[in-house]
Amino acid sequence: MKKILFATLGVICVVLGVIGRFVPLMPTTPFLLLAAYLFSRSSPKMHKLLLENKVFGKYISNYLSNKPIPIKQKIFSISLLWLGMGSSIYILKLSDWRVALLIFIGLAVSTHIATLGKFRRRKHSTQSPNLHLPT
């Protein structure tokens, strides 16, 4: 029963992630990472399909292994984010506090995208058995 629930939630997360690819301010990455987690706990076949997907597979694998994203992809993602936000602000004629909130969110997401892959996770040291580094 738990596997069926996790697989169903995984599919929902993939659908939301795909929608987030096209809708400004709707996240893609958290939904796809959650889907990968849910599939890893429920369906090895679905997990493999997600990681081998032509559109999202490499993206998810690189994110999970903390590999750097090419600078062109970062520039494209950040540009698309700000274009979508700017369009939303202009078309919806949002109030000042909503514009400020969107700008804050945009800055936070832009910073996250810009720093993806820059910080490597530390590995446990094999030289000193008493030294425990965080992973």
C-alpha atoms as a PDB file:
ATOM      1  CA  MET A   1       0.000   0.000   0.000  1.00  0.00           C
ATOM      2  CA  LYS A   2       2.866   2.383   0.899  1.00  0.00           C
ATOM      3  CA  LYS A   3       4.586   1.702  -2.442  1.00  0.00           C
ATOM      4  CA  ILE A   4       1.408   2.496  -4.369  1.00  0.00           C
ATOM      5  CA  LEU A   5       0.998   5.768  -2.463  1.00  0.00           C
ATOM      6  CA  PHE A   6       4.641   6.758  -3.061  1.00  0.00           C
ATOM      7  CA  ALA A   7       4.429   5.859  -6.772  1.00  0.00           C
ATOM      8  CA  THR A   8       1.206   7.857  -7.165  1.00  0.00           C
ATOM      9  CA  LEU A   9       2.693  10.866  -5.381  1.00  0.00           C
ATOM     10  CA  GLY A  10       5.811  10.497  -7.556  1.00  0.00           C
ATOM     11  CA  VAL A  11       3.738  10.710 -10.737  1.00  0.00           C
ATOM     12  CA  ILE A  12       1.902  13.765  -9.394  1.00  0.00           C
ATOM     13  CA  CYS A  13       5.258  15.394  -8.593  1.00  0.00           C
ATOM     14  CA  VAL A  14       6.547  14.716 -12.107  1.00  0.00           C
ATOM     15  CA  VAL A  15       3.409  16.304 -13.593  1.00  0.00           C
ATOM     16  CA  LEU A  16       3.807  19.353 -11.328  1.00  0.00           C
ATOM     17  CA  GLY A  17       7.509  19.555 -12.241  1.00  0.00           C
ATOM     18  CA  VAL A  18       6.690  19.532 -15.951  1.00  0.00           C
ATOM     19  CA  ILE A  19       4.074  22.251 -15.441  1.00  0.00           C
ATOM     20  CA  GLY A  20       6.655  24.227 -13.451  1.00  0.00           C
ATOM     21  CA  ARG A  21       8.964  24.158 -16.442  1.00  0.00           C
ATOM     22  CA  PHE A  22       6.527  26.417 -18.298  1.00  0.00           C
ATOM     23  CA  VAL A  23       4.774  28.405 -15.566  1.00  0.00           C
ATOM     24  CA  PRO A  24       6.770  31.258 -13.982  1.00  0.00           C
ATOM     25  CA  LEU A  25       7.382  30.953 -10.238  1.00  0.00           C
ATOM     26  CA  MET A  26       6.128  27.359 -10.109  1.00  0.00           C
ATOM     27  CA  PRO A  27       9.124  25.275  -9.088  1.00  0.00           C
ATOM     28  CA  THR A  28      10.426  22.399 -11.176  1.00  0.00           C
ATOM     29  CA  THR A  29      13.422  21.126  -9.226  1.00  0.00           C
ATOM     30  CA  PRO A  30      11.759  20.401  -5.857  1.00  0.00           C
ATOM     31  CA  PHE A  31       8.976  18.409  -7.509  1.00  0.00           C
ATOM     32  CA  LEU A  32      11.385  16.375  -9.625  1.00  0.00           C
ATOM     33  CA  LEU A  33      13.690  15.691  -6.683  1.00  0.00           C
ATOM     34  CA  LEU A  34      10.728  14.620  -4.578  1.00  0.00           C
ATOM     35  CA  ALA A  35       9.552  12.381  -7.426  1.00  0.00           C
ATOM     36  CA  ALA A  36      13.013  10.799  -7.630  1.00  0.00           C
ATOM     37  CA  TYR A  37      12.927  10.144  -3.881  1.00  0.00           C
ATOM     38  CA  LEU A  38       9.407   8.703  -3.978  1.00  0.00           C
ATOM     39  CA  PHE A  39      10.218   6.465  -6.945  1.00  0.00           C
ATOM     40  CA  SER A  40      13.426   5.262  -5.271  1.00  0.00           C
ATOM     41  CA  ARG A  41      11.256   4.067  -2.363  1.00  0.00           C
ATOM     42  CA  SER A  42       8.435   2.595  -4.442  1.00  0.00           C
ATOM     43  CA  SER A  43       9.366   1.669  -7.988  1.00  0.00           C
ATOM     44  CA  PRO A  44      12.916   1.064  -9.228  1.00  0.00           C
ATOM     45  CA  LYS A  45      11.527   0.982 -12.787  1.00  0.00           C
ATOM     46  CA  MET A  46       9.929   4.448 -12.497  1.00  0.00           C
ATOM     47  CA  HIS A  47      13.055   5.774 -10.760  1.00  0.00           C
ATOM     48  CA  LYS A  48      15.217   4.514 -13.623  1.00  0.00           C
ATOM     49  CA  LEU A  49      12.806   5.976 -16.211  1.00  0.00           C
ATOM     50  CA  LEU A  50      12.943   9.360 -14.504  1.00  0.00           C
ATOM     51  CA  LEU A  51      16.739   9.398 -14.269  1.00  0.00           C
ATOM     52  CA  GLU A  52      17.080   8.273 -17.905  1.00  0.00           C
ATOM     53  CA  ASN A  53      14.492  10.737 -19.221  1.00  0.00           C
ATOM     54  CA  LYS A  54      15.834  12.807 -22.137  1.00  0.00           C
ATOM     55  CA  VAL A  55      14.594  16.115 -20.730  1.00  0.00           C
ATOM     56  CA  PHE A  56      14.938  15.775 -16.951  1.00  0.00           C
ATOM     57  CA  GLY A  57      17.200  12.769 -16.346  1.00  0.00           C
ATOM     58  CA  LYS A  58      20.597  14.409 -16.630  1.00  0.00           C
ATOM     59  CA  TYR A  59      19.292  17.485 -14.818  1.00  0.00           C
ATOM     60  CA  ILE A  60      18.155  15.423 -11.815  1.00  0.00           C
ATOM     61  CA  SER A  61      21.283  13.259 -11.763  1.00  0.00           C
ATOM     62  CA  ASN A  62      23.564  16.302 -11.899  1.00  0.00           C
ATOM     63  CA  TYR A  63      21.606  18.003  -9.132  1.00  0.00           C
ATOM     64  CA  LEU A  64      21.682  14.944  -6.881  1.00  0.00           C
ATOM     65  CA  SER A  65      25.427  14.486  -7.397  1.00  0.00           C
ATOM     66  CA  ASN A  66      26.068  18.247  -6.956  1.00  0.00           C
ATOM     67  CA  LYS A  67      27.701  18.562 -10.379  1.00  0.00           C
ATOM     68  CA  PRO A  68      28.083  22.046 -11.817  1.00  0.00           C
ATOM     69  CA  ILE A  69      25.566  23.324 -14.329  1.00  0.00           C
ATOM     70  CA  PRO A  70      26.960  24.902 -17.510  1.00  0.00           C
ATOM     71  CA  ILE A  71      27.022  28.705 -17.338  1.00  0.00           C
ATOM     72  CA  LYS A  72      24.860  29.006 -20.487  1.00  0.00           C
ATOM     73  CA  GLN A  73      22.135  26.933 -18.827  1.00  0.00           C
ATOM     74  CA  LYS A  74      22.306  29.066 -15.686  1.00  0.00           C
ATOM     75  CA  ILE A  75      22.037  32.280 -17.713  1.00  0.00           C
ATOM     76  CA  PHE A  76      19.101  30.865 -19.689  1.00  0.00           C
ATOM     77  CA  SER A  77      17.295  29.729 -16.515  1.00  0.00           C
ATOM     78  CA  ILE A  78      17.791  33.019 -14.691  1.00  0.00           C
ATOM     79  CA  SER A  79      16.783  35.026 -17.772  1.00  0.00           C
ATOM     80  CA  LEU A  80      13.630  32.967 -18.211  1.00  0.00           C
ATOM     81  CA  LEU A  81      12.810  33.415 -14.513  1.00  0.00           C
ATOM     82  CA  TRP A  82      13.095  37.215 -14.680  1.00  0.00           C
ATOM     83  CA  LEU A  83      11.271  37.413 -18.002  1.00  0.00           C
ATOM     84  CA  GLY A  84       8.377  35.439 -16.536  1.00  0.00           C
ATOM     85  CA  MET A  85       8.323  37.501 -13.359  1.00  0.00           C
ATOM     86  CA  GLY A  86       8.550  40.781 -15.240  1.00  0.00           C
ATOM     87  CA  SER A  87       5.701  39.714 -17.505  1.00  0.00           C
ATOM     88  CA  SER A  88       3.599  38.703 -14.509  1.00  0.00           C
ATOM     89  CA  ILE A  89       4.222  42.023 -12.781  1.00  0.00           C
ATOM     90  CA  TYR A  90       3.390  44.007 -15.930  1.00  0.00           C
ATOM     91  CA  ILE A  91       0.321  42.020 -17.027  1.00  0.00           C
ATOM     92  CA  LEU A  92      -1.220  41.538 -13.578  1.00  0.00           C
ATOM     93  CA  LYS A  93      -0.444  45.097 -12.384  1.00  0.00           C
ATOM     94  CA  LEU A  94       0.500  43.845  -8.928  1.00  0.00           C
ATOM     95  CA  SER A  95       0.569  45.972  -5.792  1.00  0.00           C
ATOM     96  CA  ASP A  96       3.889  47.221  -4.418  1.00  0.00           C
ATOM     97  CA  TRP A  97       4.188  44.582  -1.687  1.00  0.00           C
ATOM     98  CA  ARG A  98       3.534  41.771  -4.183  1.00  0.00           C
ATOM     99  CA  VAL A  99       6.148  43.184  -6.551  1.00  0.00           C
ATOM    100  CA  ALA A 100       8.611  43.371  -3.657  1.00  0.00           C
ATOM    101  CA  LEU A 101       7.796  39.776  -2.704  1.00  0.00           C
ATOM    102  CA  LEU A 102       8.330  38.577  -6.281  1.00  0.00           C
ATOM    103  CA  ILE A 103      11.638  40.422  -6.498  1.00  0.00           C
ATOM    104  CA  PHE A 104      12.780  38.851  -3.213  1.00  0.00           C
ATOM    105  CA  ILE A 105      11.786  35.382  -4.446  1.00  0.00           C
ATOM    106  CA  GLY A 106      13.466  36.063  -7.788  1.00  0.00           C
ATOM    107  CA  LEU A 107      16.700  37.087  -6.084  1.00  0.00           C
ATOM    108  CA  ALA A 108      16.647  33.994  -3.872  1.00  0.00           C
ATOM    109  CA  VAL A 109      15.990  31.647  -6.797  1.00  0.00           C
ATOM    110  CA  SER A 110      18.589  33.408  -8.962  1.00  0.00           C
ATOM    111  CA  THR A 111      21.174  33.039  -6.197  1.00  0.00           C
ATOM    112  CA  HIS A 112      20.308  29.362  -5.833  1.00  0.00           C
ATOM    113  CA  ILE A 113      20.652  28.732  -9.572  1.00  0.00           C
ATOM    114  CA  ALA A 114      23.879  30.744  -9.804  1.00  0.00           C
ATOM    115  CA  THR A 115      25.502  28.765  -6.990  1.00  0.00           C
ATOM    116  CA  LEU A 116      24.313  25.288  -8.017  1.00  0.00           C
ATOM    117  CA  GLY A 117      27.262  22.927  -8.104  1.00  0.00           C
ATOM    118  CA  LYS A 118      29.701  25.443  -6.611  1.00  0.00           C
ATOM    119  CA  PHE A 119      29.697  23.956  -3.146  1.00  0.00           C
ATOM    120  CA  ARG A 120      30.926  20.383  -2.897  1.00  0.00           C
ATOM    121  CA  ARG A 121      29.808  18.062  -0.161  1.00  0.00           C
ATOM    122  CA  ARG A 122      32.599  16.994   2.134  1.00  0.00           C
ATOM    123  CA  LYS A 123      33.441  13.316   2.278  1.00  0.00           C
ATOM    124  CA  HIS A 124      34.357  11.481   5.433  1.00  0.00           C
ATOM    125  CA  SER A 125      38.066  11.507   6.074  1.00  0.00           C
ATOM    126  CA  THR A 126      39.748   8.108   6.136  1.00  0.00           C
ATOM    127  CA  GLN A 127      42.893   9.510   7.740  1.00  0.00           C
ATOM    128  CA  SER A 128      41.531  10.116  11.228  1.00  0.00           C
ATOM    129  CA  PRO A 129      38.892   7.766  12.644  1.00  0.00           C
ATOM    130  CA  ASN A 130      37.923  10.337  15.321  1.00  0.00           C
ATOM    131  CA  LEU A 131      37.167  13.084  12.795  1.00  0.00           C
ATOM    132  CA  HIS A 132      33.529  13.125  11.699  1.00  0.00           C
ATOM    133  CA  LEU A 133      32.774  15.684   9.013  1.00  0.00           C
ATOM    134  CA  PRO A 134      29.192  16.513   8.050  1.00  0.00           C
ATOM    135  CA  THR A 135      27.995  15.144   4.733  1.00  0.00           C
END
